[in-house]
Amino acid sequence: MVHNIHHINFIVRDLEAAVPVYERILGQPVTRRDHLSDRGVDIARFELGDTWLILVQPVKQGTEPARFLDEQGEGFFLLSFDVESVADAAQTSGVPRQGPSRDGLDDWHIQDLDPAATFGAQIQYCEHRK
């Protein structure tokens, strides 16, 4: 069962240009920056209550985020739902998974859903592993 929205990702070409704009929009400084070498991206995260807003800049060609940026351009990229268990949520939903589950930032564990089964939307489940 989905508890709430865990995070929303926006894809950008230039993180350094995007961060100050979003800081002004949100009225707060960026919470944290990270480099995810396995995903080939640099990110800036804003903590908004129980939800994270994440700006994603692909820094490695051939990755899913880089392909998305090339094909779709900047803007909304991904919606992640907070669940107790990604395995249980994926099984209960009956929606096909896209690849194996993986560990993300901090204590996040992620399962992507197949966009072909979600009407083209990039959706994933996220659980917190303590």
N, C-alpha and C. Protein backbone atom coordinates (compact mmCIF):
# COMPACT_ATOMS: atom_id res chain seq x y z
N MET A 1 0.84 -1.17 0.00
CA MET A 1 0.00 0.00 0.00
C MET A 1 0.89 1.25 0.00
N VAL A 2 0.52 2.22 -0.80
CA VAL A 2 1.26 3.48 -0.89
C VAL A 2 0.88 4.36 0.29
N HIS A 3 1.91 4.90 1.00
CA HIS A 3 1.68 5.79 2.15
C HIS A 3 1.62 7.24 1.72
N ASN A 4 2.53 7.63 0.85
CA ASN A 4 2.58 9.00 0.34
C ASN A 4 3.58 9.07 -0.80
N ILE A 5 3.81 10.26 -1.29
CA ILE A 5 4.83 10.46 -2.32
C ILE A 5 6.17 10.58 -1.61
N HIS A 6 7.10 9.72 -1.96
CA HIS A 6 8.43 9.75 -1.35
C HIS A 6 9.29 10.83 -2.00
N HIS A 7 9.39 10.79 -3.32
CA HIS A 7 10.15 11.82 -4.00
C HIS A 7 9.67 12.00 -5.44
N ILE A 8 9.94 13.21 -5.94
CA ILE A 8 9.64 13.59 -7.31
C ILE A 8 10.94 14.06 -7.93
N ASN A 9 11.26 13.53 -9.10
CA ASN A 9 12.50 13.90 -9.78
C ASN A 9 12.19 14.77 -11.00
N PHE A 10 12.97 15.82 -11.14
CA PHE A 10 12.97 16.64 -12.35
C PHE A 10 14.34 16.51 -12.99
N ILE A 11 14.37 16.31 -14.28
CA ILE A 11 15.64 16.16 -14.99
C ILE A 11 16.04 17.51 -15.57
N VAL A 12 17.32 17.85 -15.42
CA VAL A 12 17.84 19.14 -15.89
C VAL A 12 19.15 18.91 -16.62
N ARG A 13 19.47 19.82 -17.52
CA ARG A 13 20.75 19.76 -18.24
C ARG A 13 21.89 20.35 -17.41
N ASP A 14 21.56 21.35 -16.59
CA ASP A 14 22.58 22.09 -15.85
C ASP A 14 22.14 22.27 -14.41
N LEU A 15 22.65 21.42 -13.54
CA LEU A 15 22.28 21.45 -12.12
C LEU A 15 22.66 22.78 -11.47
N GLU A 16 23.82 23.31 -11.83
CA GLU A 16 24.27 24.57 -11.23
C GLU A 16 23.33 25.73 -11.56
N ALA A 17 22.74 25.70 -12.74
CA ALA A 17 21.79 26.75 -13.11
C ALA A 17 20.42 26.50 -12.47
N ALA A 18 20.04 25.23 -12.32
CA ALA A 18 18.71 24.89 -11.82
C ALA A 18 18.57 25.09 -10.31
N VAL A 19 19.61 24.78 -9.55
CA VAL A 19 19.50 24.84 -8.09
C VAL A 19 19.07 26.22 -7.59
N PRO A 20 19.70 27.33 -8.00
CA PRO A 20 19.26 28.62 -7.47
C PRO A 20 17.82 28.98 -7.84
N VAL A 21 17.37 28.53 -9.01
CA VAL A 21 15.99 28.79 -9.41
C VAL A 21 15.04 28.05 -8.47
N TYR A 22 15.31 26.78 -8.19
CA TYR A 22 14.45 26.01 -7.30
C TYR A 22 14.57 26.49 -5.86
N GLU A 23 15.72 26.97 -5.45
CA GLU A 23 15.84 27.56 -4.11
C GLU A 23 14.90 28.76 -3.98
N ARG A 24 14.81 29.57 -5.02
CA ARG A 24 13.90 30.72 -4.99
C ARG A 24 12.44 30.25 -5.04
N ILE A 25 12.13 29.29 -5.89
CA ILE A 25 10.76 28.77 -5.99
C ILE A 25 10.29 28.21 -4.65
N LEU A 26 11.16 27.43 -4.01
CA LEU A 26 10.80 26.73 -2.77
C LEU A 26 11.02 27.57 -1.52
N GLY A 27 11.78 28.64 -1.66
CA GLY A 27 12.05 29.50 -0.50
C GLY A 27 12.95 28.86 0.53
N GLN A 28 13.82 27.99 0.09
CA GLN A 28 14.75 27.32 1.00
C GLN A 28 15.98 26.84 0.23
N PRO A 29 17.09 26.68 0.94
CA PRO A 29 18.29 26.19 0.27
C PRO A 29 18.21 24.69 0.00
N VAL A 30 19.01 24.26 -0.95
CA VAL A 30 19.11 22.84 -1.24
C VAL A 30 19.52 22.12 0.04
N THR A 31 18.92 20.95 0.28
CA THR A 31 19.20 20.19 1.50
C THR A 31 20.49 19.39 1.38
N ARG A 32 20.68 18.80 0.20
CA ARG A 32 21.85 17.91 0.03
C ARG A 32 22.13 17.71 -1.45
N ARG A 33 23.41 17.53 -1.78
CA ARG A 33 23.84 17.19 -3.14
C ARG A 33 24.56 15.86 -3.08
N ASP A 34 24.40 15.09 -4.15
CA ASP A 34 25.03 13.78 -4.22
C ASP A 34 25.44 13.47 -5.65
N HIS A 35 26.38 12.56 -5.78
CA HIS A 35 26.77 12.00 -7.08
C HIS A 35 26.45 10.51 -6.99
N LEU A 36 25.66 10.02 -7.95
CA LEU A 36 25.33 8.60 -7.99
C LEU A 36 26.03 7.99 -9.20
N SER A 37 27.20 7.45 -8.96
CA SER A 37 28.02 6.95 -10.08
C SER A 37 27.33 5.79 -10.79
N ASP A 38 26.63 4.91 -10.06
CA ASP A 38 25.97 3.78 -10.70
C ASP A 38 24.81 4.21 -11.59
N ARG A 39 24.22 5.37 -11.35
CA ARG A 39 23.13 5.90 -12.18
C ARG A 39 23.64 6.93 -13.18
N GLY A 40 24.90 7.39 -12.99
CA GLY A 40 25.49 8.36 -13.91
C GLY A 40 24.87 9.74 -13.80
N VAL A 41 24.56 10.16 -12.55
CA VAL A 41 23.91 11.45 -12.35
C VAL A 41 24.50 12.20 -11.16
N ASP A 42 24.37 13.52 -11.22
CA ASP A 42 24.54 14.39 -10.06
C ASP A 42 23.16 14.86 -9.68
N ILE A 43 22.89 14.96 -8.37
CA ILE A 43 21.57 15.37 -7.93
C ILE A 43 21.65 16.42 -6.84
N ALA A 44 20.57 17.18 -6.74
CA ALA A 44 20.37 18.12 -5.63
C ALA A 44 19.00 17.81 -5.05
N ARG A 45 18.95 17.62 -3.72
CA ARG A 45 17.70 17.24 -3.06
C ARG A 45 17.20 18.37 -2.17
N PHE A 46 15.89 18.56 -2.22
CA PHE A 46 15.20 19.49 -1.34
C PHE A 46 14.22 18.68 -0.50
N GLU A 47 14.32 18.79 0.83
CA GLU A 47 13.39 18.08 1.70
C GLU A 47 12.18 18.97 1.95
N LEU A 48 11.02 18.48 1.56
CA LEU A 48 9.77 19.23 1.68
C LEU A 48 8.80 18.40 2.53
N GLY A 49 8.90 18.52 3.83
CA GLY A 49 8.09 17.69 4.71
C GLY A 49 8.48 16.24 4.56
N ASP A 50 7.50 15.40 4.20
CA ASP A 50 7.77 13.97 4.00
C ASP A 50 8.20 13.63 2.58
N THR A 51 8.27 14.63 1.72
CA THR A 51 8.56 14.40 0.31
C THR A 51 9.86 15.09 -0.08
N TRP A 52 10.63 14.44 -0.92
CA TRP A 52 11.84 15.04 -1.48
C TRP A 52 11.55 15.50 -2.91
N LEU A 53 12.06 16.66 -3.26
CA LEU A 53 12.09 17.10 -4.66
C LEU A 53 13.54 16.99 -5.08
N ILE A 54 13.79 16.27 -6.16
CA ILE A 54 15.16 15.98 -6.57
C ILE A 54 15.39 16.47 -7.99
N LEU A 55 16.45 17.26 -8.16
CA LEU A 55 16.90 17.69 -9.47
C LEU A 55 17.99 16.74 -9.92
N VAL A 56 17.87 16.21 -11.12
CA VAL A 56 18.77 15.17 -11.63
C VAL A 56 19.45 15.66 -12.90
N GLN A 57 20.78 15.67 -12.88
CA GLN A 57 21.54 16.01 -14.08
C GLN A 57 22.34 14.79 -14.52
N PRO A 58 22.02 14.21 -15.68
CA PRO A 58 22.84 13.11 -16.19
C PRO A 58 24.26 13.60 -16.48
N VAL A 59 25.25 12.82 -16.07
CA VAL A 59 26.65 13.17 -16.32
C VAL A 59 27.37 12.05 -17.07
N LYS A 60 26.61 11.02 -17.44
CA LYS A 60 27.19 9.89 -18.17
C LYS A 60 26.21 9.48 -19.26
N GLN A 61 26.68 9.45 -20.50
CA GLN A 61 25.85 9.04 -21.62
C GLN A 61 25.55 7.54 -21.54
N GLY A 62 24.43 7.16 -22.14
CA GLY A 62 24.06 5.75 -22.17
C GLY A 62 23.25 5.28 -20.98
N THR A 63 23.03 6.14 -20.00
CA THR A 63 22.23 5.79 -18.84
C THR A 63 20.77 6.12 -19.11
N GLU A 64 19.88 5.54 -18.31
CA GLU A 64 18.45 5.82 -18.47
C GLU A 64 18.15 7.32 -18.32
N PRO A 65 18.70 8.01 -17.30
CA PRO A 65 18.42 9.45 -17.21
C PRO A 65 18.94 10.24 -18.43
N ALA A 66 20.10 9.88 -18.96
CA ALA A 66 20.64 10.58 -20.13
C ALA A 66 19.76 10.34 -21.36
N ARG A 67 19.31 9.10 -21.54
CA ARG A 67 18.41 8.79 -22.65
C ARG A 67 17.10 9.56 -22.52
N PHE A 68 16.57 9.61 -21.30
CA PHE A 68 15.32 10.33 -21.08
C PHE A 68 15.49 11.80 -21.43
N LEU A 69 16.57 12.42 -20.96
CA LEU A 69 16.81 13.83 -21.25
C LEU A 69 16.93 14.06 -22.75
N ASP A 70 17.66 13.20 -23.45
CA ASP A 70 17.82 13.33 -24.90
C ASP A 70 16.49 13.21 -25.64
N GLU A 71 15.63 12.31 -25.18
CA GLU A 71 14.37 12.04 -25.87
C GLU A 71 13.23 12.98 -25.45
N GLN A 72 13.17 13.31 -24.17
CA GLN A 72 12.03 14.05 -23.63
C GLN A 72 12.35 15.51 -23.28
N GLY A 73 13.63 15.81 -23.08
CA GLY A 73 14.00 17.15 -22.64
C GLY A 73 13.86 17.31 -21.14
N GLU A 74 14.07 18.53 -20.68
CA GLU A 74 14.03 18.82 -19.25
C GLU A 74 12.59 18.81 -18.74
N GLY A 75 12.46 18.58 -17.44
CA GLY A 75 11.16 18.63 -16.79
C GLY A 75 10.92 17.42 -15.91
N PHE A 76 9.64 17.12 -15.70
CA PHE A 76 9.27 15.99 -14.85
C PHE A 76 9.90 14.71 -15.37
N PHE A 77 10.46 13.93 -14.44
CA PHE A 77 11.15 12.70 -14.81
C PHE A 77 10.54 11.47 -14.14
N LEU A 78 10.31 11.54 -12.81
CA LEU A 78 9.97 10.31 -12.10
C LEU A 78 9.18 10.62 -10.84
N LEU A 79 8.24 9.73 -10.50
CA LEU A 79 7.47 9.81 -9.27
C LEU A 79 7.72 8.55 -8.46
N SER A 80 8.06 8.72 -7.18
CA SER A 80 8.36 7.58 -6.32
C SER A 80 7.39 7.55 -5.15
N PHE A 81 6.74 6.40 -4.97
CA PHE A 81 5.77 6.23 -3.89
C PHE A 81 6.43 5.56 -2.68
N ASP A 82 6.11 6.03 -1.50
CA ASP A 82 6.61 5.47 -0.24
C ASP A 82 5.77 4.26 0.14
N VAL A 83 6.43 3.11 0.33
CA VAL A 83 5.75 1.87 0.71
C VAL A 83 6.54 1.19 1.82
N GLU A 84 5.89 0.27 2.52
CA GLU A 84 6.60 -0.49 3.56
C GLU A 84 7.58 -1.48 2.95
N SER A 85 7.19 -2.11 1.85
CA SER A 85 8.03 -3.12 1.21
C SER A 85 7.87 -3.02 -0.30
N VAL A 86 8.97 -2.78 -1.01
CA VAL A 86 8.89 -2.69 -2.48
C VAL A 86 8.47 -4.03 -3.07
N ALA A 87 8.95 -5.12 -2.50
CA ALA A 87 8.61 -6.45 -3.02
C ALA A 87 7.11 -6.70 -2.87
N ASP A 88 6.57 -6.42 -1.69
CA ASP A 88 5.13 -6.64 -1.48
C ASP A 88 4.29 -5.72 -2.35
N ALA A 89 4.67 -4.45 -2.45
CA ALA A 89 3.90 -3.49 -3.25
C ALA A 89 3.90 -3.89 -4.72
N ALA A 90 5.05 -4.28 -5.23
CA ALA A 90 5.15 -4.68 -6.64
C ALA A 90 4.33 -5.94 -6.89
N GLN A 91 4.40 -6.88 -5.98
CA GLN A 91 3.64 -8.13 -6.16
C GLN A 91 2.14 -7.87 -6.07
N THR A 92 1.72 -7.09 -5.10
CA THR A 92 0.30 -6.81 -4.90
C THR A 92 -0.29 -6.02 -6.07
N SER A 93 0.50 -5.07 -6.60
CA SER A 93 -0.01 -4.22 -7.69
C SER A 93 -0.20 -5.01 -8.98
N GLY A 94 0.62 -6.04 -9.18
CA GLY A 94 0.55 -6.81 -10.41
C GLY A 94 1.16 -6.10 -11.61
N VAL A 95 1.72 -4.91 -11.38
CA VAL A 95 2.36 -4.16 -12.47
C VAL A 95 3.76 -4.73 -12.68
N PRO A 96 4.14 -5.02 -13.91
CA PRO A 96 5.47 -5.57 -14.16
C PRO A 96 6.57 -4.63 -13.67
N ARG A 97 7.61 -5.24 -13.17
CA ARG A 97 8.78 -4.48 -12.69
C ARG A 97 9.72 -4.21 -13.85
N GLN A 98 10.50 -3.14 -13.71
CA GLN A 98 11.54 -2.85 -14.69
C GLN A 98 12.88 -3.07 -13.99
N GLY A 99 13.49 -4.21 -14.23
CA GLY A 99 14.77 -4.54 -13.62
C GLY A 99 14.61 -4.96 -12.17
N PRO A 100 15.72 -5.35 -11.58
CA PRO A 100 15.69 -5.77 -10.17
C PRO A 100 15.60 -4.56 -9.24
N SER A 101 15.18 -4.80 -8.01
CA SER A 101 15.19 -3.73 -7.01
C SER A 101 16.64 -3.37 -6.70
N ARG A 102 16.84 -2.18 -6.15
CA ARG A 102 18.20 -1.72 -5.88
C ARG A 102 18.20 -0.80 -4.68
N ASP A 103 19.37 -0.67 -4.07
CA ASP A 103 19.53 0.29 -2.99
C ASP A 103 19.80 1.66 -3.57
N GLY A 104 19.18 2.67 -2.98
CA GLY A 104 19.36 4.05 -3.40
C GLY A 104 20.12 4.82 -2.34
N LEU A 105 19.82 6.09 -2.25
CA LEU A 105 20.47 6.95 -1.27
C LEU A 105 20.04 6.59 0.15
N ASP A 106 20.89 6.99 1.08
CA ASP A 106 20.56 6.82 2.50
C ASP A 106 20.09 5.39 2.75
N ASP A 107 18.88 5.24 3.28
CA ASP A 107 18.35 3.91 3.56
C ASP A 107 17.23 3.55 2.58
N TRP A 108 17.22 4.15 1.39
CA TRP A 108 16.16 3.93 0.42
C TRP A 108 16.41 2.63 -0.35
N HIS A 109 15.35 1.88 -0.57
CA HIS A 109 15.39 0.69 -1.42
C HIS A 109 14.32 0.91 -2.48
N ILE A 110 14.67 0.72 -3.76
CA ILE A 110 13.87 1.16 -4.89
C ILE A 110 13.47 0.00 -5.79
N GLN A 111 12.25 0.07 -6.31
CA GLN A 111 11.81 -0.85 -7.36
C GLN A 111 11.10 -0.04 -8.44
N ASP A 112 11.69 -0.03 -9.64
CA ASP A 112 11.07 0.66 -10.77
C ASP A 112 9.96 -0.21 -11.35
N LEU A 113 8.91 0.45 -11.83
CA LEU A 113 7.84 -0.25 -12.54
C LEU A 113 8.03 -0.03 -14.04
N ASP A 114 7.53 -0.94 -14.83
CA ASP A 114 7.69 -0.88 -16.28
C ASP A 114 6.82 0.25 -16.84
N PRO A 115 7.44 1.27 -17.46
CA PRO A 115 6.66 2.39 -18.01
C PRO A 115 5.64 1.97 -19.06
N ALA A 116 5.87 0.85 -19.73
CA ALA A 116 4.90 0.37 -20.71
C ALA A 116 3.59 -0.04 -20.03
N ALA A 117 3.67 -0.38 -18.76
CA ALA A 117 2.48 -0.80 -18.01
C ALA A 117 1.86 0.35 -17.21
N THR A 118 2.53 1.51 -17.19
CA THR A 118 2.03 2.65 -16.41
C THR A 118 1.72 3.83 -17.33
N PHE A 119 1.37 3.52 -18.57
CA PHE A 119 0.97 4.53 -19.56
C PHE A 119 2.08 5.55 -19.80
N GLY A 120 3.32 5.05 -19.77
CA GLY A 120 4.47 5.88 -20.08
C GLY A 120 5.07 6.61 -18.90
N ALA A 121 4.43 6.55 -17.75
CA ALA A 121 4.94 7.26 -16.57
C ALA A 121 6.09 6.48 -15.94
N GLN A 122 7.12 7.22 -15.51
CA GLN A 122 8.24 6.63 -14.76
C GLN A 122 7.81 6.63 -13.30
N ILE A 123 7.47 5.43 -12.78
CA ILE A 123 7.01 5.29 -11.41
C ILE A 123 7.85 4.23 -10.71
N GLN A 124 8.07 4.46 -9.43
CA GLN A 124 8.80 3.48 -8.64
C GLN A 124 8.24 3.45 -7.23
N TYR A 125 8.53 2.33 -6.55
CA TYR A 125 8.23 2.20 -5.13
C TYR A 125 9.53 2.43 -4.37
N CYS A 126 9.42 3.00 -3.18
CA CYS A 126 10.58 3.24 -2.33
C CYS A 126 10.25 2.86 -0.90
N GLU A 127 11.12 2.07 -0.30
CA GLU A 127 10.97 1.74 1.11
C GLU A 127 12.20 2.20 1.86
N HIS A 128 12.02 2.46 3.15
CA HIS A 128 13.14 2.84 4.01
C HIS A 128 13.62 1.60 4.74
N ARG A 129 14.88 1.27 4.56
CA ARG A 129 15.47 0.16 5.28
C ARG A 129 16.27 0.73 6.43
N LYS A 130 15.99 0.28 7.60
CA LYS A 130 16.67 0.82 8.79
C LYS A 130 17.89 -0.01 9.10
